[in-house]
Amino acid sequence: MACILIVEDDGLVRDMLARRLTMAGYDTVHAEDGVRAIVASLNARPDIILMDMGLPILNGWQAIQRIKNRAETSHIPIIALTAYALNEDRVRALNVGCDEFEPKPIDFDRLFAKIDRLLSTTV
């Protein structure tokens, strides 16, 4: 079963994501900020990361750069989850190392399709 790291500072959103992902058959771990995201990416070795961009301490942009710059975690696919939904935001997310981009509010059918596609390419 694939493990997904959910990085989200809003507890309600984080819990909703965890419930939906668990119902879809995924294991989940979570982090509330960018620093904890980096630590969790090293300790939990997730198969994929869902990263909110507006995080405390280190924002999503900064955390992604650090995760992608580490040899141990650079291979982990990252999907940006953000309310920053303009095309410029998508381009910026992809440029810092995201493999995909999903605007909020989340379309779960589309998100699950992205997760499945990214997991199938990392096997």
N, C-alpha and C. Protein backbone atom coordinates (compact mmCIF):
# COMPACT_ATOMS: atom_id res chain seq x y z
N MET A 1 0.84 -1.18 0.00
CA MET A 1 0.00 0.00 0.00
C MET A 1 0.89 1.25 0.00
N ALA A 2 0.59 2.18 -0.87
CA ALA A 2 1.38 3.40 -0.98
C ALA A 2 1.16 4.30 0.23
N CYS A 3 2.23 4.97 0.63
CA CYS A 3 2.18 5.92 1.74
C CYS A 3 2.24 7.34 1.18
N ILE A 4 1.30 8.17 1.63
CA ILE A 4 1.23 9.55 1.18
C ILE A 4 1.45 10.48 2.36
N LEU A 5 2.41 11.38 2.21
CA LEU A 5 2.66 12.42 3.21
C LEU A 5 1.78 13.62 2.88
N ILE A 6 0.90 13.97 3.81
CA ILE A 6 0.03 15.13 3.67
C ILE A 6 0.66 16.27 4.46
N VAL A 7 1.00 17.35 3.76
CA VAL A 7 1.58 18.51 4.42
C VAL A 7 0.56 19.63 4.32
N GLU A 8 -0.10 19.91 5.44
CA GLU A 8 -1.21 20.87 5.47
C GLU A 8 -1.31 21.43 6.88
N ASP A 9 -1.33 22.76 7.01
CA ASP A 9 -1.40 23.38 8.33
C ASP A 9 -2.82 23.47 8.87
N ASP A 10 -3.82 23.41 8.02
CA ASP A 10 -5.22 23.46 8.47
C ASP A 10 -5.66 22.05 8.87
N GLY A 11 -5.92 21.88 10.17
CA GLY A 11 -6.27 20.57 10.70
C GLY A 11 -7.50 19.95 10.06
N LEU A 12 -8.51 20.74 9.77
CA LEU A 12 -9.72 20.20 9.14
C LEU A 12 -9.44 19.68 7.74
N VAL A 13 -8.68 20.45 6.97
CA VAL A 13 -8.33 20.02 5.61
C VAL A 13 -7.45 18.78 5.67
N ARG A 14 -6.48 18.78 6.58
CA ARG A 14 -5.58 17.64 6.73
C ARG A 14 -6.35 16.37 7.09
N ASP A 15 -7.28 16.48 8.02
CA ASP A 15 -8.08 15.31 8.42
C ASP A 15 -8.98 14.83 7.28
N MET A 16 -9.58 15.76 6.56
CA MET A 16 -10.43 15.39 5.43
C MET A 16 -9.62 14.67 4.36
N LEU A 17 -8.43 15.20 4.05
CA LEU A 17 -7.56 14.55 3.07
C LEU A 17 -7.17 13.14 3.54
N ALA A 18 -6.80 13.01 4.80
CA ALA A 18 -6.40 11.71 5.34
C ALA A 18 -7.55 10.71 5.25
N ARG A 19 -8.76 11.15 5.59
CA ARG A 19 -9.92 10.24 5.50
C ARG A 19 -10.17 9.79 4.08
N ARG A 20 -10.17 10.73 3.15
CA ARG A 20 -10.43 10.39 1.74
C ARG A 20 -9.35 9.46 1.18
N LEU A 21 -8.10 9.74 1.51
CA LEU A 21 -7.00 8.90 1.02
C LEU A 21 -7.03 7.51 1.64
N THR A 22 -7.35 7.43 2.94
CA THR A 22 -7.46 6.14 3.61
C THR A 22 -8.59 5.32 3.01
N MET A 23 -9.72 5.96 2.74
CA MET A 23 -10.86 5.26 2.11
C MET A 23 -10.48 4.76 0.72
N ALA A 24 -9.56 5.44 0.06
CA ALA A 24 -9.12 5.03 -1.28
C ALA A 24 -8.01 3.98 -1.21
N GLY A 25 -7.60 3.60 -0.01
CA GLY A 25 -6.63 2.52 0.13
C GLY A 25 -5.20 2.93 0.37
N TYR A 26 -4.95 4.20 0.67
CA TYR A 26 -3.59 4.67 0.91
C TYR A 26 -3.31 4.77 2.41
N ASP A 27 -2.05 4.57 2.78
CA ASP A 27 -1.59 4.90 4.13
C ASP A 27 -1.21 6.37 4.12
N THR A 28 -1.40 7.06 5.24
CA THR A 28 -1.06 8.48 5.29
C THR A 28 -0.23 8.79 6.53
N VAL A 29 0.63 9.76 6.38
CA VAL A 29 1.33 10.42 7.48
C VAL A 29 1.14 11.90 7.23
N HIS A 30 1.39 12.72 8.23
CA HIS A 30 1.15 14.15 8.02
C HIS A 30 2.19 15.02 8.70
N ALA A 31 2.25 16.25 8.21
CA ALA A 31 3.09 17.29 8.78
C ALA A 31 2.32 18.60 8.69
N GLU A 32 2.56 19.47 9.68
CA GLU A 32 1.80 20.72 9.77
C GLU A 32 2.55 21.93 9.22
N ASP A 33 3.82 21.79 8.95
CA ASP A 33 4.60 22.92 8.45
C ASP A 33 5.74 22.40 7.57
N GLY A 34 6.46 23.33 6.96
CA GLY A 34 7.51 22.95 6.03
C GLY A 34 8.68 22.23 6.67
N VAL A 35 9.05 22.61 7.89
CA VAL A 35 10.15 21.94 8.58
C VAL A 35 9.77 20.49 8.88
N ARG A 36 8.58 20.29 9.42
CA ARG A 36 8.12 18.93 9.71
C ARG A 36 7.96 18.11 8.43
N ALA A 37 7.64 18.76 7.33
CA ALA A 37 7.53 18.07 6.04
C ALA A 37 8.87 17.48 5.63
N ILE A 38 9.93 18.24 5.81
CA ILE A 38 11.27 17.76 5.46
C ILE A 38 11.64 16.56 6.33
N VAL A 39 11.40 16.69 7.63
CA VAL A 39 11.71 15.59 8.56
C VAL A 39 10.88 14.35 8.21
N ALA A 40 9.59 14.53 7.96
CA ALA A 40 8.72 13.40 7.63
C ALA A 40 9.12 12.75 6.30
N SER A 41 9.57 13.55 5.35
CA SER A 41 9.99 12.97 4.07
C SER A 41 11.20 12.07 4.25
N LEU A 42 12.05 12.38 5.22
CA LEU A 42 13.22 11.56 5.51
C LEU A 42 12.87 10.34 6.36
N ASN A 43 12.02 10.53 7.38
CA ASN A 43 11.70 9.46 8.31
C ASN A 43 10.66 8.48 7.78
N ALA A 44 9.61 8.98 7.17
CA ALA A 44 8.51 8.12 6.72
C ALA A 44 8.75 7.53 5.33
N ARG A 45 9.65 8.15 4.57
CA ARG A 45 9.92 7.71 3.19
C ARG A 45 8.63 7.48 2.41
N PRO A 46 7.81 8.53 2.29
CA PRO A 46 6.53 8.38 1.59
C PRO A 46 6.74 8.11 0.10
N ASP A 47 5.71 7.55 -0.51
CA ASP A 47 5.74 7.29 -1.95
C ASP A 47 5.38 8.54 -2.74
N ILE A 48 4.67 9.45 -2.10
CA ILE A 48 4.25 10.70 -2.74
C ILE A 48 3.97 11.72 -1.64
N ILE A 49 4.09 13.00 -1.97
CA ILE A 49 3.83 14.08 -1.01
C ILE A 49 2.77 15.01 -1.59
N LEU A 50 1.77 15.34 -0.78
CA LEU A 50 0.79 16.38 -1.10
C LEU A 50 1.17 17.58 -0.27
N MET A 51 1.59 18.66 -0.92
CA MET A 51 2.18 19.81 -0.22
C MET A 51 1.34 21.07 -0.39
N ASP A 52 0.79 21.55 0.73
CA ASP A 52 0.18 22.88 0.74
C ASP A 52 1.32 23.88 0.56
N MET A 53 1.04 24.98 -0.10
CA MET A 53 2.11 25.95 -0.35
C MET A 53 2.16 27.05 0.71
N GLY A 54 1.04 27.36 1.34
CA GLY A 54 0.99 28.41 2.35
C GLY A 54 1.15 27.85 3.75
N LEU A 55 2.37 27.47 4.10
CA LEU A 55 2.66 26.83 5.38
C LEU A 55 3.44 27.76 6.30
N PRO A 56 3.34 27.53 7.62
CA PRO A 56 4.17 28.30 8.56
C PRO A 56 5.59 27.76 8.62
N ILE A 57 6.46 28.52 9.21
CA ILE A 57 7.88 28.26 9.44
C ILE A 57 8.64 28.24 8.11
N LEU A 58 8.52 27.18 7.33
CA LEU A 58 9.00 27.16 5.95
C LEU A 58 7.77 26.97 5.08
N ASN A 59 7.60 27.81 4.07
CA ASN A 59 6.44 27.62 3.21
C ASN A 59 6.66 26.44 2.28
N GLY A 60 5.64 26.08 1.53
CA GLY A 60 5.72 24.94 0.64
C GLY A 60 6.81 25.06 -0.40
N TRP A 61 6.98 26.26 -0.94
CA TRP A 61 8.02 26.48 -1.95
C TRP A 61 9.40 26.13 -1.39
N GLN A 62 9.68 26.63 -0.17
CA GLN A 62 10.98 26.40 0.46
C GLN A 62 11.17 24.92 0.82
N ALA A 63 10.11 24.31 1.37
CA ALA A 63 10.21 22.89 1.76
C ALA A 63 10.44 22.01 0.54
N ILE A 64 9.75 22.29 -0.56
CA ILE A 64 9.92 21.48 -1.77
C ILE A 64 11.35 21.58 -2.28
N GLN A 65 11.90 22.78 -2.31
CA GLN A 65 13.28 22.93 -2.77
C GLN A 65 14.24 22.11 -1.92
N ARG A 66 14.03 22.10 -0.62
CA ARG A 66 14.93 21.34 0.27
C ARG A 66 14.73 19.84 0.11
N ILE A 67 13.50 19.41 -0.06
CA ILE A 67 13.23 17.98 -0.27
C ILE A 67 13.84 17.51 -1.59
N LYS A 68 13.65 18.29 -2.63
CA LYS A 68 14.16 17.91 -3.95
C LYS A 68 15.68 18.03 -4.06
N ASN A 69 16.30 18.81 -3.18
CA ASN A 69 17.75 18.95 -3.20
C ASN A 69 18.49 17.88 -2.39
N ARG A 70 17.76 17.04 -1.68
CA ARG A 70 18.38 15.97 -0.89
C ARG A 70 18.35 14.68 -1.70
N ALA A 71 19.47 14.01 -1.77
CA ALA A 71 19.56 12.76 -2.53
C ALA A 71 18.56 11.72 -2.02
N GLU A 72 18.32 11.69 -0.71
CA GLU A 72 17.43 10.68 -0.13
C GLU A 72 15.96 10.89 -0.48
N THR A 73 15.60 12.12 -0.84
CA THR A 73 14.18 12.42 -1.05
C THR A 73 13.88 13.03 -2.42
N SER A 74 14.89 13.26 -3.22
CA SER A 74 14.68 13.95 -4.50
C SER A 74 13.77 13.20 -5.46
N HIS A 75 13.68 11.90 -5.30
CA HIS A 75 12.86 11.07 -6.20
C HIS A 75 11.37 11.06 -5.86
N ILE A 76 11.00 11.56 -4.69
CA ILE A 76 9.60 11.49 -4.24
C ILE A 76 8.76 12.49 -5.02
N PRO A 77 7.71 12.00 -5.71
CA PRO A 77 6.84 12.93 -6.43
C PRO A 77 6.09 13.83 -5.45
N ILE A 78 5.92 15.09 -5.85
CA ILE A 78 5.21 16.07 -5.01
C ILE A 78 4.10 16.71 -5.83
N ILE A 79 2.92 16.75 -5.22
CA ILE A 79 1.78 17.46 -5.81
C ILE A 79 1.52 18.69 -4.96
N ALA A 80 1.59 19.86 -5.57
CA ALA A 80 1.26 21.10 -4.86
C ALA A 80 -0.25 21.18 -4.71
N LEU A 81 -0.71 21.43 -3.49
CA LEU A 81 -2.12 21.68 -3.20
C LEU A 81 -2.21 23.12 -2.74
N THR A 82 -2.91 23.95 -3.49
CA THR A 82 -2.85 25.37 -3.14
C THR A 82 -4.08 26.14 -3.59
N ALA A 83 -4.38 27.17 -2.84
CA ALA A 83 -5.43 28.11 -3.25
C ALA A 83 -4.88 29.11 -4.26
N TYR A 84 -3.55 29.13 -4.42
CA TYR A 84 -2.94 29.97 -5.45
C TYR A 84 -3.16 29.26 -6.79
N ALA A 85 -4.22 29.61 -7.48
CA ALA A 85 -4.67 28.81 -8.62
C ALA A 85 -4.40 29.43 -9.98
N LEU A 86 -3.63 30.49 -10.05
CA LEU A 86 -3.32 31.10 -11.34
C LEU A 86 -2.28 30.26 -12.09
N ASN A 87 -2.24 30.41 -13.39
CA ASN A 87 -1.27 29.67 -14.19
C ASN A 87 0.16 29.98 -13.75
N GLU A 88 0.43 31.22 -13.35
CA GLU A 88 1.76 31.59 -12.88
C GLU A 88 2.14 30.78 -11.63
N ASP A 89 1.15 30.51 -10.77
CA ASP A 89 1.39 29.72 -9.57
C ASP A 89 1.72 28.27 -9.93
N ARG A 90 1.03 27.75 -10.92
CA ARG A 90 1.30 26.39 -11.40
C ARG A 90 2.72 26.31 -11.95
N VAL A 91 3.09 27.26 -12.77
CA VAL A 91 4.43 27.28 -13.36
C VAL A 91 5.48 27.39 -12.26
N ARG A 92 5.24 28.25 -11.28
CA ARG A 92 6.19 28.42 -10.17
C ARG A 92 6.34 27.11 -9.39
N ALA A 93 5.23 26.43 -9.13
CA ALA A 93 5.27 25.16 -8.39
C ALA A 93 6.06 24.11 -9.16
N LEU A 94 5.83 24.02 -10.44
CA LEU A 94 6.56 23.06 -11.27
C LEU A 94 8.05 23.42 -11.33
N ASN A 95 8.35 24.70 -11.36
CA ASN A 95 9.75 25.14 -11.43
C ASN A 95 10.54 24.86 -10.15
N VAL A 96 9.86 24.84 -8.99
CA VAL A 96 10.59 24.54 -7.75
C VAL A 96 10.72 23.04 -7.51
N GLY A 97 10.05 22.22 -8.34
CA GLY A 97 10.23 20.78 -8.22
C GLY A 97 8.98 19.96 -8.08
N CYS A 98 7.81 20.58 -8.08
CA CYS A 98 6.57 19.80 -8.01
C CYS A 98 6.41 19.00 -9.30
N ASP A 99 5.82 17.84 -9.14
CA ASP A 99 5.54 16.99 -10.29
C ASP A 99 4.14 17.23 -10.83
N GLU A 100 3.28 17.78 -9.99
CA GLU A 100 1.90 18.09 -10.36
C GLU A 100 1.41 19.25 -9.52
N PHE A 101 0.23 19.74 -9.88
CA PHE A 101 -0.36 20.92 -9.25
C PHE A 101 -1.87 20.67 -9.16
N GLU A 102 -2.44 20.86 -7.98
CA GLU A 102 -3.89 20.71 -7.80
C GLU A 102 -4.41 21.92 -7.02
N PRO A 103 -5.23 22.73 -7.68
CA PRO A 103 -5.78 23.90 -6.97
C PRO A 103 -6.86 23.50 -5.96
N LYS A 104 -7.00 24.32 -4.94
CA LYS A 104 -8.09 24.17 -3.97
C LYS A 104 -9.25 25.04 -4.43
N PRO A 105 -10.49 24.64 -4.22
CA PRO A 105 -10.89 23.39 -3.57
C PRO A 105 -10.53 22.18 -4.42
N ILE A 106 -10.22 21.10 -3.74
CA ILE A 106 -9.68 19.90 -4.37
C ILE A 106 -10.77 19.13 -5.10
N ASP A 107 -10.49 18.79 -6.34
CA ASP A 107 -11.32 17.87 -7.13
C ASP A 107 -10.71 16.48 -6.89
N PHE A 108 -11.35 15.67 -6.06
CA PHE A 108 -10.75 14.40 -5.65
C PHE A 108 -10.59 13.40 -6.78
N ASP A 109 -11.49 13.37 -7.73
CA ASP A 109 -11.32 12.48 -8.87
C ASP A 109 -10.05 12.84 -9.63
N ARG A 110 -9.85 14.12 -9.86
CA ARG A 110 -8.67 14.58 -10.57
C ARG A 110 -7.40 14.33 -9.74
N LEU A 111 -7.47 14.60 -8.42
CA LEU A 111 -6.33 14.37 -7.54
C LEU A 111 -5.94 12.89 -7.53
N PHE A 112 -6.91 12.00 -7.39
CA PHE A 112 -6.61 10.56 -7.36
C PHE A 112 -6.02 10.11 -8.69
N ALA A 113 -6.47 10.67 -9.79
CA ALA A 113 -5.89 10.33 -11.10
C ALA A 113 -4.42 10.76 -11.16
N LYS A 114 -4.12 11.93 -10.63
CA LYS A 114 -2.73 12.41 -10.60
C LYS A 114 -1.87 11.53 -9.70
N ILE A 115 -2.40 11.18 -8.55
CA ILE A 115 -1.67 10.31 -7.63
C ILE A 115 -1.38 8.97 -8.30
N ASP A 116 -2.40 8.36 -8.88
CA ASP A 116 -2.22 7.06 -9.55
C ASP A 116 -1.20 7.14 -10.67
N ARG A 117 -1.25 8.20 -11.46
CA ARG A 117 -0.30 8.35 -12.56
C ARG A 117 1.12 8.50 -12.05
N LEU A 118 1.32 9.33 -11.02
CA LEU A 118 2.66 9.52 -10.49
C LEU A 118 3.19 8.26 -9.80
N LEU A 119 2.33 7.54 -9.09
CA LEU A 119 2.78 6.31 -8.46
C LEU A 119 3.12 5.24 -9.49
N SER A 120 2.41 5.20 -10.59
CA SER A 120 2.68 4.19 -11.62
C SER A 120 4.00 4.46 -12.34
N THR A 121 4.45 5.71 -12.34
CA THR A 121 5.71 6.02 -13.01
C THR A 121 6.91 5.86 -12.09
N THR A 122 6.68 5.69 -10.77
CA THR A 122 7.79 5.54 -9.82
C THR A 122 8.00 4.10 -9.42
N VAL A 123 7.19 3.20 -9.91
CA VAL A 123 7.32 1.77 -9.53
C VAL A 123 8.48 1.13 -10.22
